[in-house]
């Protein structure tokens, strides 16, 4: 009888604790905290957003989101090596941020390190789980540079099937020769 009563009380305790516990990840909390800066990035105000996230990195040095958005601003301002540093810091703090892998791959691609860019795009494709055709298109562009043309064509066709028009136009150019069909 005592065991049943203790088990019941323990079950009630676990249920109450579950509902009272905070389920947000540190990255979710940081997204709420840095909402103002994220809106600046979405509004394409990159100079002010960079200053905002530079200050955020100083105040919250363990924030993956602050490093990720500062890296995104660096990438857009074409400071590729600084972007790689910031995005690497973001990934070291939270390795589930898929956008960081894509942005870091773009930075590597723009510096001419196509093999490393391919690796980053490959990670981005895995983390996005077929949600973002940009990852497939960028991985295909890196594969073209490292002469993996059949795989690049497959990536571009996958991006087209996800609705990416840019990939469709790339497939219409040489070295790709098979016809492309878009789904409507």
N, C-alpha and C. Protein backbone atom coordinates (compact mmCIF):
# COMPACT_ATOMS: atom_id res chain seq x y z
N UNK A 1 0.82 -1.19 0.00
CA UNK A 1 0.00 0.00 0.00
C UNK A 1 0.87 1.26 0.00
N UNK A 2 1.93 1.23 0.83
CA UNK A 2 2.81 2.40 0.90
C UNK A 2 3.54 2.61 -0.43
N UNK A 3 3.91 1.51 -1.09
CA UNK A 3 4.62 1.61 -2.36
C UNK A 3 3.72 2.24 -3.42
N UNK A 4 2.47 1.86 -3.46
CA UNK A 4 1.53 2.42 -4.42
C UNK A 4 1.34 3.91 -4.15
N UNK A 5 1.19 4.27 -2.88
CA UNK A 5 0.99 5.67 -2.51
C UNK A 5 2.23 6.50 -2.87
N UNK A 6 3.41 5.97 -2.58
CA UNK A 6 4.65 6.68 -2.93
C UNK A 6 4.79 6.81 -4.45
N UNK A 7 4.45 5.75 -5.17
CA UNK A 7 4.51 5.80 -6.64
C UNK A 7 3.55 6.84 -7.19
N UNK A 8 2.35 6.92 -6.62
CA UNK A 8 1.36 7.89 -7.05
C UNK A 8 1.85 9.31 -6.78
N UNK A 9 2.38 9.55 -5.59
CA UNK A 9 2.90 10.88 -5.24
C UNK A 9 4.09 11.25 -6.14
N UNK A 10 4.94 10.29 -6.41
CA UNK A 10 6.10 10.54 -7.28
C UNK A 10 5.63 10.88 -8.70
N UNK A 11 4.61 10.18 -9.19
CA UNK A 11 4.05 10.46 -10.51
C UNK A 11 3.45 11.86 -10.58
N UNK A 12 2.75 12.25 -9.53
CA UNK A 12 2.17 13.60 -9.47
C UNK A 12 3.30 14.64 -9.45
N UNK A 13 4.33 14.38 -8.66
CA UNK A 13 5.48 15.28 -8.59
C UNK A 13 6.14 15.46 -9.95
N UNK A 14 6.36 14.36 -10.69
CA UNK A 14 6.98 14.44 -12.01
C UNK A 14 6.09 15.19 -13.01
N UNK A 15 4.79 14.99 -12.94
CA UNK A 15 3.87 15.68 -13.83
C UNK A 15 3.89 17.18 -13.57
N UNK A 16 3.83 17.58 -12.31
CA UNK A 16 3.86 19.01 -11.97
C UNK A 16 5.20 19.62 -12.39
N UNK A 17 6.26 18.92 -12.14
CA UNK A 17 7.58 19.43 -12.51
C UNK A 17 7.72 19.59 -14.02
N UNK A 18 7.17 18.65 -14.77
CA UNK A 18 7.23 18.74 -16.23
C UNK A 18 6.53 19.99 -16.73
N UNK A 19 5.34 20.28 -16.20
CA UNK A 19 4.58 21.42 -16.68
C UNK A 19 5.12 22.75 -16.19
N UNK A 20 5.85 22.77 -15.10
CA UNK A 20 6.41 24.01 -14.57
C UNK A 20 7.81 24.29 -15.11
N UNK A 21 8.41 23.31 -15.76
CA UNK A 21 9.77 23.45 -16.24
C UNK A 21 9.82 24.29 -17.52
N UNK A 22 10.90 24.99 -17.72
CA UNK A 22 11.12 25.78 -18.92
C UNK A 22 11.68 24.87 -20.01
N UNK A 23 10.99 24.80 -21.15
CA UNK A 23 11.39 23.88 -22.21
C UNK A 23 12.13 24.57 -23.35
N UNK A 24 12.37 25.88 -23.25
CA UNK A 24 13.09 26.59 -24.30
C UNK A 24 14.58 26.27 -24.22
N UNK A 25 15.18 26.10 -25.40
CA UNK A 25 16.63 25.90 -25.47
C UNK A 25 17.31 27.26 -25.30
N UNK A 26 18.60 27.25 -25.00
CA UNK A 26 19.31 28.54 -24.92
C UNK A 26 19.22 29.35 -26.22
N UNK A 27 19.22 28.68 -27.36
CA UNK A 27 19.10 29.40 -28.63
C UNK A 27 17.72 30.04 -28.78
N UNK A 28 16.67 29.35 -28.32
CA UNK A 28 15.33 29.93 -28.37
C UNK A 28 15.24 31.17 -27.48
N UNK A 29 15.85 31.10 -26.33
CA UNK A 29 15.86 32.25 -25.42
C UNK A 29 16.64 33.41 -26.04
N UNK A 30 17.76 33.09 -26.70
CA UNK A 30 18.55 34.14 -27.33
C UNK A 30 17.81 34.77 -28.50
N UNK A 31 17.04 33.98 -29.23
CA UNK A 31 16.24 34.55 -30.33
C UNK A 31 15.24 35.57 -29.79
N UNK A 32 14.66 35.28 -28.65
CA UNK A 32 13.74 36.24 -28.03
C UNK A 32 14.51 37.46 -27.53
N UNK A 33 15.65 37.24 -26.93
CA UNK A 33 16.47 38.32 -26.37
C UNK A 33 16.96 39.26 -27.46
N UNK A 34 17.36 38.72 -28.61
CA UNK A 34 17.94 39.51 -29.68
C UNK A 34 16.95 39.79 -30.81
N UNK A 35 15.68 39.79 -30.50
CA UNK A 35 14.62 39.99 -31.50
C UNK A 35 14.84 41.29 -32.29
N UNK A 36 15.25 42.34 -31.60
CA UNK A 36 15.46 43.64 -32.26
C UNK A 36 16.55 43.54 -33.34
N UNK A 37 17.66 42.90 -33.03
CA UNK A 37 18.74 42.74 -34.00
C UNK A 37 18.36 41.82 -35.14
N UNK A 38 17.61 40.77 -34.84
CA UNK A 38 17.16 39.85 -35.88
C UNK A 38 16.24 40.57 -36.86
N UNK A 39 15.39 41.45 -36.33
CA UNK A 39 14.53 42.24 -37.21
C UNK A 39 15.35 43.17 -38.10
N UNK A 40 16.45 43.70 -37.56
CA UNK A 40 17.33 44.54 -38.39
C UNK A 40 17.90 43.73 -39.56
N UNK A 41 18.30 42.50 -39.30
CA UNK A 41 18.84 41.64 -40.36
C UNK A 41 17.74 41.35 -41.38
N UNK A 42 16.54 41.04 -40.92
CA UNK A 42 15.43 40.74 -41.83
C UNK A 42 15.05 41.96 -42.66
N UNK A 43 15.24 43.15 -42.10
CA UNK A 43 14.95 44.39 -42.84
C UNK A 43 16.15 44.86 -43.66
N UNK A 44 17.19 44.06 -43.69
CA UNK A 44 18.40 44.31 -44.48
C UNK A 44 19.15 45.56 -44.03
N UNK A 45 19.11 45.85 -42.75
CA UNK A 45 19.86 46.95 -42.16
C UNK A 45 21.11 46.34 -41.52
N UNK A 46 22.06 45.93 -42.35
CA UNK A 46 23.17 45.10 -41.89
C UNK A 46 24.22 45.87 -41.10
N UNK A 47 24.43 47.13 -41.40
CA UNK A 47 25.44 47.90 -40.66
C UNK A 47 25.03 48.06 -39.21
N UNK A 48 23.78 48.45 -38.98
CA UNK A 48 23.29 48.59 -37.60
C UNK A 48 23.17 47.24 -36.91
N UNK A 49 22.77 46.21 -37.67
CA UNK A 49 22.65 44.87 -37.10
C UNK A 49 24.02 44.36 -36.66
N UNK A 50 25.05 44.65 -37.46
CA UNK A 50 26.40 44.23 -37.07
C UNK A 50 26.80 44.87 -35.75
N UNK A 51 26.57 46.17 -35.60
CA UNK A 51 26.90 46.86 -34.35
C UNK A 51 26.11 46.29 -33.17
N UNK A 52 24.83 45.99 -33.42
CA UNK A 52 23.98 45.41 -32.38
C UNK A 52 24.53 44.05 -31.93
N UNK A 53 24.85 43.18 -32.89
CA UNK A 53 25.33 41.84 -32.52
C UNK A 53 26.77 41.85 -32.04
N UNK A 54 27.56 42.83 -32.45
CA UNK A 54 28.90 42.96 -31.91
C UNK A 54 28.82 43.28 -30.43
N UNK A 55 27.91 44.16 -30.07
CA UNK A 55 27.68 44.49 -28.66
C UNK A 55 27.11 43.27 -27.92
N UNK A 56 26.22 42.53 -28.58
CA UNK A 56 25.62 41.35 -27.96
C UNK A 56 26.67 40.28 -27.67
N UNK A 57 27.64 40.13 -28.57
CA UNK A 57 28.71 39.14 -28.36
C UNK A 57 29.55 39.54 -27.15
N UNK A 58 29.76 40.83 -26.98
CA UNK A 58 30.54 41.29 -25.82
C UNK A 58 29.78 41.07 -24.51
N UNK A 59 28.46 41.28 -24.53
CA UNK A 59 27.65 41.11 -23.32
C UNK A 59 27.36 39.65 -23.02
N UNK A 60 27.13 38.86 -24.07
CA UNK A 60 26.77 37.44 -23.91
C UNK A 60 27.75 36.59 -24.72
N UNK A 61 28.96 36.38 -24.23
CA UNK A 61 29.96 35.67 -25.03
C UNK A 61 29.66 34.19 -25.26
N UNK A 62 28.69 33.64 -24.56
CA UNK A 62 28.34 32.23 -24.76
C UNK A 62 27.12 32.06 -25.68
N UNK A 63 26.66 33.13 -26.28
CA UNK A 63 25.47 33.09 -27.11
C UNK A 63 25.81 32.69 -28.55
N UNK A 64 25.29 31.55 -28.97
CA UNK A 64 25.50 31.07 -30.34
C UNK A 64 24.75 31.96 -31.33
N UNK A 65 23.59 32.43 -30.96
CA UNK A 65 22.78 33.25 -31.86
C UNK A 65 23.47 34.58 -32.13
N UNK A 66 24.06 35.19 -31.12
CA UNK A 66 24.76 36.47 -31.31
C UNK A 66 25.92 36.29 -32.29
N UNK A 67 26.70 35.22 -32.12
CA UNK A 67 27.80 34.96 -33.05
C UNK A 67 27.26 34.64 -34.46
N UNK A 68 26.18 33.89 -34.53
CA UNK A 68 25.63 33.50 -35.83
C UNK A 68 25.17 34.72 -36.62
N UNK A 69 24.47 35.62 -35.97
CA UNK A 69 23.98 36.79 -36.69
C UNK A 69 25.09 37.80 -36.97
N UNK A 70 26.07 37.89 -36.08
CA UNK A 70 27.21 38.75 -36.39
C UNK A 70 27.95 38.18 -37.60
N UNK A 71 28.08 36.84 -37.66
CA UNK A 71 28.70 36.19 -38.81
C UNK A 71 27.91 36.41 -40.08
N UNK A 72 26.59 36.36 -39.99
CA UNK A 72 25.74 36.61 -41.16
C UNK A 72 25.95 38.04 -41.67
N UNK A 73 26.04 39.00 -40.75
CA UNK A 73 26.30 40.39 -41.15
C UNK A 73 27.68 40.51 -41.79
N UNK A 74 28.66 39.83 -41.24
CA UNK A 74 30.01 39.86 -41.82
C UNK A 74 30.00 39.27 -43.23
N UNK A 75 29.26 38.19 -43.41
CA UNK A 75 29.18 37.54 -44.72
C UNK A 75 28.56 38.47 -45.76
N UNK A 76 27.51 39.14 -45.38
CA UNK A 76 26.83 40.03 -46.32
C UNK A 76 27.70 41.23 -46.64
N UNK A 77 28.52 41.67 -45.68
CA UNK A 77 29.44 42.78 -45.92
C UNK A 77 30.74 42.32 -46.58
N UNK A 78 30.78 41.04 -46.97
CA UNK A 78 31.89 40.42 -47.69
C UNK A 78 33.19 40.36 -46.89
N UNK A 79 33.08 40.27 -45.59
CA UNK A 79 34.23 39.99 -44.71
C UNK A 79 34.23 38.48 -44.45
N UNK A 80 34.66 37.72 -45.44
CA UNK A 80 34.46 36.28 -45.43
C UNK A 80 35.23 35.58 -44.30
N UNK A 81 36.45 35.97 -44.06
CA UNK A 81 37.23 35.30 -43.02
C UNK A 81 36.68 35.62 -41.63
N UNK A 82 36.22 36.84 -41.42
CA UNK A 82 35.59 37.18 -40.15
C UNK A 82 34.28 36.43 -39.98
N UNK A 83 33.56 36.27 -41.08
CA UNK A 83 32.30 35.50 -41.04
C UNK A 83 32.58 34.05 -40.67
N UNK A 84 33.63 33.48 -41.26
CA UNK A 84 33.98 32.09 -40.93
C UNK A 84 34.30 31.96 -39.45
N UNK A 85 35.04 32.92 -38.90
CA UNK A 85 35.38 32.88 -37.47
C UNK A 85 34.11 32.95 -36.62
N UNK A 86 33.24 33.92 -36.89
CA UNK A 86 32.03 34.07 -36.08
C UNK A 86 31.11 32.86 -36.20
N UNK A 87 30.95 32.35 -37.40
CA UNK A 87 30.07 31.19 -37.59
C UNK A 87 30.65 29.94 -36.95
N UNK A 88 31.97 29.82 -36.95
CA UNK A 88 32.61 28.70 -36.26
C UNK A 88 32.38 28.80 -34.75
N UNK A 89 32.47 30.02 -34.22
CA UNK A 89 32.18 30.22 -32.79
C UNK A 89 30.74 29.86 -32.48
N UNK A 90 29.82 30.22 -33.35
CA UNK A 90 28.40 29.89 -33.14
C UNK A 90 28.19 28.38 -33.15
N UNK A 91 28.82 27.70 -34.10
CA UNK A 91 28.66 26.24 -34.19
C UNK A 91 29.30 25.56 -32.98
N UNK A 92 30.41 26.10 -32.48
CA UNK A 92 31.04 25.53 -31.29
C UNK A 92 30.13 25.64 -30.08
N UNK A 93 29.28 26.66 -30.04
CA UNK A 93 28.37 26.85 -28.91
C UNK A 93 27.06 26.08 -29.08
N UNK A 94 26.60 25.94 -30.33
CA UNK A 94 25.36 25.20 -30.61
C UNK A 94 25.48 24.61 -32.01
N UNK A 95 25.75 23.32 -32.08
CA UNK A 95 26.01 22.70 -33.39
C UNK A 95 24.73 22.27 -34.11
N UNK A 96 23.58 22.74 -33.67
CA UNK A 96 22.32 22.40 -34.35
C UNK A 96 21.80 23.55 -35.20
N UNK A 97 22.53 24.64 -35.29
CA UNK A 97 22.08 25.79 -36.07
C UNK A 97 22.41 25.57 -37.55
N UNK A 98 21.42 25.10 -38.29
CA UNK A 98 21.63 24.72 -39.69
C UNK A 98 22.03 25.92 -40.54
N UNK A 99 21.48 27.08 -40.26
CA UNK A 99 21.78 28.28 -41.04
C UNK A 99 23.27 28.63 -40.96
N UNK A 100 23.90 28.31 -39.83
CA UNK A 100 25.34 28.59 -39.68
C UNK A 100 26.17 27.76 -40.64
N UNK A 101 25.80 26.51 -40.83
CA UNK A 101 26.53 25.65 -41.76
C UNK A 101 26.40 26.19 -43.19
N UNK A 102 25.20 26.63 -43.55
CA UNK A 102 24.99 27.18 -44.88
C UNK A 102 25.79 28.47 -45.07
N UNK A 103 25.72 29.37 -44.10
CA UNK A 103 26.46 30.63 -44.21
C UNK A 103 27.97 30.41 -44.22
N UNK A 104 28.44 29.49 -43.40
CA UNK A 104 29.88 29.21 -43.37
C UNK A 104 30.32 28.59 -44.68
N UNK A 105 29.48 27.75 -45.26
CA UNK A 105 29.78 27.18 -46.57
C UNK A 105 29.87 28.25 -47.64
N UNK A 106 28.97 29.23 -47.60
CA UNK A 106 29.01 30.33 -48.57
C UNK A 106 30.30 31.12 -48.39
N UNK A 107 30.70 31.35 -47.15
CA UNK A 107 31.95 32.08 -46.90
C UNK A 107 33.15 31.30 -47.45
N UNK A 108 33.19 29.99 -47.21
CA UNK A 108 34.28 29.17 -47.76
C UNK A 108 34.25 29.20 -49.29
N UNK A 109 33.06 29.11 -49.86
CA UNK A 109 32.92 29.12 -51.32
C UNK A 109 33.47 30.43 -51.89
N UNK A 110 33.15 31.53 -51.24
CA UNK A 110 33.60 32.84 -51.73
C UNK A 110 35.11 33.05 -51.54
N UNK A 111 35.72 32.29 -50.63
CA UNK A 111 37.18 32.39 -50.48
C UNK A 111 37.91 31.41 -51.41
N UNK A 112 37.16 30.58 -52.12
CA UNK A 112 37.77 29.65 -53.06
C UNK A 112 38.09 28.29 -52.48
N UNK A 113 37.72 28.03 -51.24
CA UNK A 113 37.95 26.73 -50.61
C UNK A 113 36.72 25.85 -50.86
N UNK A 114 36.62 25.30 -52.06
CA UNK A 114 35.42 24.60 -52.49
C UNK A 114 35.22 23.27 -51.78
N UNK A 115 36.30 22.59 -51.44
CA UNK A 115 36.17 21.31 -50.73
C UNK A 115 35.57 21.52 -49.34
N UNK A 116 36.07 22.52 -48.63
CA UNK A 116 35.53 22.82 -47.29
C UNK A 116 34.09 23.34 -47.42
N UNK A 117 33.83 24.13 -48.46
CA UNK A 117 32.47 24.63 -48.69
C UNK A 117 31.52 23.47 -48.91
N UNK A 118 31.96 22.48 -49.71
CA UNK A 118 31.12 21.31 -49.95
C UNK A 118 30.77 20.60 -48.64
N UNK A 119 31.76 20.45 -47.76
CA UNK A 119 31.51 19.79 -46.47
C UNK A 119 30.47 20.54 -45.65
N UNK A 120 30.58 21.87 -45.64
CA UNK A 120 29.63 22.67 -44.88
C UNK A 120 28.23 22.59 -45.48
N UNK A 121 28.13 22.62 -46.80
CA UNK A 121 26.83 22.51 -47.46
C UNK A 121 26.22 21.14 -47.22
N UNK A 122 27.06 20.12 -47.17
CA UNK A 122 26.58 18.77 -46.89
C UNK A 122 25.97 18.71 -45.49
N UNK A 123 26.62 19.35 -44.52
CA UNK A 123 26.07 19.41 -43.16
C UNK A 123 24.78 20.21 -43.14
N UNK A 124 24.72 21.28 -43.92
CA UNK A 124 23.51 22.11 -43.97
C UNK A 124 22.34 21.31 -44.54
N UNK A 125 22.60 20.54 -45.60
CA UNK A 125 21.54 19.71 -46.19
C UNK A 125 21.01 18.74 -45.14
N UNK A 126 21.91 18.14 -44.38
CA UNK A 126 21.49 17.17 -43.36
C UNK A 126 20.68 17.86 -42.27
N UNK A 127 21.13 19.03 -41.81
CA UNK A 127 20.43 19.72 -40.72
C UNK A 127 19.09 20.30 -41.16
N UNK A 128 18.97 20.73 -42.41
CA UNK A 128 17.70 21.29 -42.88
C UNK A 128 16.67 20.21 -43.17
N UNK A 129 17.10 18.98 -43.41
CA UNK A 129 16.21 17.85 -43.64
C UNK A 129 15.15 18.14 -44.74
N UNK A 130 15.63 18.50 -45.91
CA UNK A 130 14.77 18.74 -47.09
C UNK A 130 13.82 19.93 -46.94
N UNK A 131 14.15 20.87 -46.08
CA UNK A 131 13.30 22.04 -45.94
C UNK A 131 13.78 23.24 -46.74
N UNK A 132 15.03 23.26 -47.11
CA UNK A 132 15.59 24.46 -47.74
C UNK A 132 16.34 24.09 -49.01
N UNK A 133 15.81 24.50 -50.17
CA UNK A 133 16.49 24.16 -51.43
C UNK A 133 17.81 24.88 -51.62
N UNK A 134 18.03 26.00 -50.90
CA UNK A 134 19.29 26.73 -51.03
C UNK A 134 20.49 25.85 -50.69
N UNK A 135 20.34 25.00 -49.69
CA UNK A 135 21.44 24.12 -49.28
C UNK A 135 21.81 23.17 -50.42
N UNK A 136 20.80 22.63 -51.09
CA UNK A 136 21.08 21.74 -52.22
C UNK A 136 21.75 22.50 -53.37
N UNK A 137 21.26 23.72 -53.66
CA UNK A 137 21.83 24.50 -54.76
C UNK A 137 23.29 24.85 -54.48
N UNK A 138 23.57 25.30 -53.27
CA UNK A 138 24.95 25.66 -52.94
C UNK A 138 25.86 24.44 -52.94
N UNK A 139 25.33 23.30 -52.45
CA UNK A 139 26.15 22.09 -52.48
C UNK A 139 26.43 21.68 -53.92
N UNK A 140 25.45 21.86 -54.80
CA UNK A 140 25.67 21.55 -56.22
C UNK A 140 26.72 22.47 -56.82
N UNK A 141 26.68 23.75 -56.48
CA UNK A 141 27.68 24.69 -57.00
C UNK A 141 29.08 24.31 -56.53
N UNK A 142 29.19 23.87 -55.28
CA UNK A 142 30.50 23.43 -54.78
C UNK A 142 30.92 22.14 -55.49
N UNK A 143 29.97 21.26 -55.74
CA UNK A 143 30.30 20.01 -56.44
C UNK A 143 30.75 20.30 -57.87
N UNK A 144 30.18 21.28 -58.51
CA UNK A 144 30.62 21.64 -59.86
C UNK A 144 32.08 22.07 -59.82
N UNK A 145 32.45 22.83 -58.80
CA UNK A 145 33.83 23.31 -58.68
C UNK A 145 34.81 22.17 -58.43
N UNK A 146 34.37 21.11 -57.73
CA UNK A 146 35.27 19.98 -57.46
C UNK A 146 35.03 18.83 -58.44
N UNK A 147 34.32 19.14 -59.53
CA UNK A 147 34.12 18.23 -60.66
C UNK A 147 33.34 16.96 -60.30
N UNK A 148 32.29 17.11 -59.52
CA UNK A 148 31.37 16.01 -59.24
C UNK A 148 30.05 16.31 -59.94
N UNK A 149 30.08 16.29 -61.27
CA UNK A 149 28.94 16.76 -62.06
C UNK A 149 27.67 15.92 -61.93
N UNK A 150 27.73 14.58 -61.95
CA UNK A 150 26.48 13.83 -61.80
C UNK A 150 25.79 14.09 -60.45
N UNK A 151 26.57 14.17 -59.38
CA UNK A 151 26.00 14.45 -58.06
C UNK A 151 25.46 15.87 -58.00
N UNK A 152 26.16 16.80 -58.67
CA UNK A 152 25.68 18.19 -58.70
C UNK A 152 24.34 18.27 -59.42
N UNK A 153 24.22 17.53 -60.50
CA UNK A 153 22.94 17.52 -61.22
C UNK A 153 21.82 16.97 -60.35
N UNK A 154 22.11 15.92 -59.59
CA UNK A 154 21.10 15.36 -58.69
C UNK A 154 20.69 16.38 -57.63
N UNK A 155 21.66 17.11 -57.07
CA UNK A 155 21.35 18.12 -56.07
C UNK A 155 20.49 19.23 -56.67
N UNK A 156 20.83 19.67 -57.88
CA UNK A 156 20.05 20.72 -58.52
C UNK A 156 18.64 20.26 -58.82
N UNK A 157 18.49 19.01 -59.25
CA UNK A 157 17.15 18.48 -59.51
C UNK A 157 16.34 18.38 -58.22
N UNK A 158 17.00 18.04 -57.12
CA UNK A 158 16.31 17.99 -55.83
C UNK A 158 15.87 19.40 -55.41
N UNK A 159 16.73 20.38 -55.63
CA UNK A 159 16.38 21.77 -55.31
C UNK A 159 15.21 22.25 -56.16
N UNK A 160 15.19 21.85 -57.44
CA UNK A 160 14.08 22.22 -58.32
C UNK A 160 12.79 21.60 -57.81
N UNK A 161 12.87 20.36 -57.36
CA UNK A 161 11.65 19.71 -56.85
C UNK A 161 11.15 20.36 -55.57
N UNK A 162 12.05 21.06 -54.86
CA UNK A 162 11.64 21.80 -53.66
C UNK A 162 11.20 23.22 -54.00
N UNK A 163 11.26 23.59 -55.29
CA UNK A 163 10.74 24.88 -55.72
C UNK A 163 11.77 25.96 -55.97
N UNK A 164 13.01 25.61 -56.17
CA UNK A 164 14.07 26.60 -56.36
C UNK A 164 14.23 26.92 -57.84
N UNK A 165 13.88 28.13 -58.24
CA UNK A 165 13.99 28.53 -59.64
C UNK A 165 15.43 28.75 -60.07
N UNK A 166 16.29 29.20 -59.16
CA UNK A 166 17.69 29.41 -59.52
C UNK A 166 18.34 28.11 -59.97
N UNK A 167 18.02 27.03 -59.29
CA UNK A 167 18.57 25.72 -59.68
C UNK A 167 18.06 25.31 -61.05
N UNK A 168 16.81 25.64 -61.34
CA UNK A 168 16.25 25.34 -62.65
C UNK A 168 17.06 26.02 -63.74
N UNK A 169 17.42 27.28 -63.53
CA UNK A 169 18.20 28.01 -64.54
C UNK A 169 19.63 27.49 -64.66
N UNK A 170 20.19 27.03 -63.55
CA UNK A 170 21.54 26.44 -63.62
C UNK A 170 21.50 25.15 -64.42
N UNK A 171 20.43 24.37 -64.27
CA UNK A 171 20.32 23.12 -65.01
C UNK A 171 20.14 23.33 -66.51
N UNK A 172 19.70 24.49 -66.91
CA UNK A 172 19.52 24.76 -68.34
C UNK A 172 20.83 25.11 -69.04
N UNK A 173 21.89 25.30 -68.26
CA UNK A 173 23.19 25.69 -68.82
C UNK A 173 24.11 24.47 -68.90
N UNK A 174 25.13 24.54 -69.78
CA UNK A 174 26.10 23.45 -69.82
C UNK A 174 26.82 23.36 -68.48
N UNK A 175 27.23 22.24 -68.02
CA UNK A 175 27.41 20.94 -68.66
C UNK A 175 26.20 20.02 -68.54
N UNK A 176 25.08 20.53 -68.08
CA UNK A 176 23.90 19.70 -67.89
C UNK A 176 23.10 19.67 -69.19
N UNK A 177 22.71 18.46 -69.61
CA UNK A 177 22.09 18.33 -70.93
C UNK A 177 20.71 17.69 -70.88
N UNK A 178 20.39 16.96 -69.85
CA UNK A 178 19.07 16.31 -69.81
C UNK A 178 17.99 17.36 -69.58
N UNK A 179 16.79 17.15 -70.15
CA UNK A 179 15.72 18.14 -69.97
C UNK A 179 15.27 18.20 -68.50
N UNK A 180 14.79 19.37 -68.12
CA UNK A 180 14.34 19.60 -66.75
C UNK A 180 12.83 19.82 -66.77
N UNK A 181 12.15 19.16 -65.89
CA UNK A 181 10.70 19.32 -65.79
C UNK A 181 10.37 19.85 -64.41
N UNK A 182 9.57 20.90 -64.38
CA UNK A 182 9.14 21.45 -63.09
C UNK A 182 7.76 20.92 -62.78
N UNK A 183 7.53 20.64 -61.50
CA UNK A 183 6.21 20.22 -61.06
C UNK A 183 5.36 21.44 -60.79
N UNK A 184 4.11 21.37 -61.15
CA UNK A 184 3.22 22.51 -60.89
C UNK A 184 2.18 22.16 -59.89
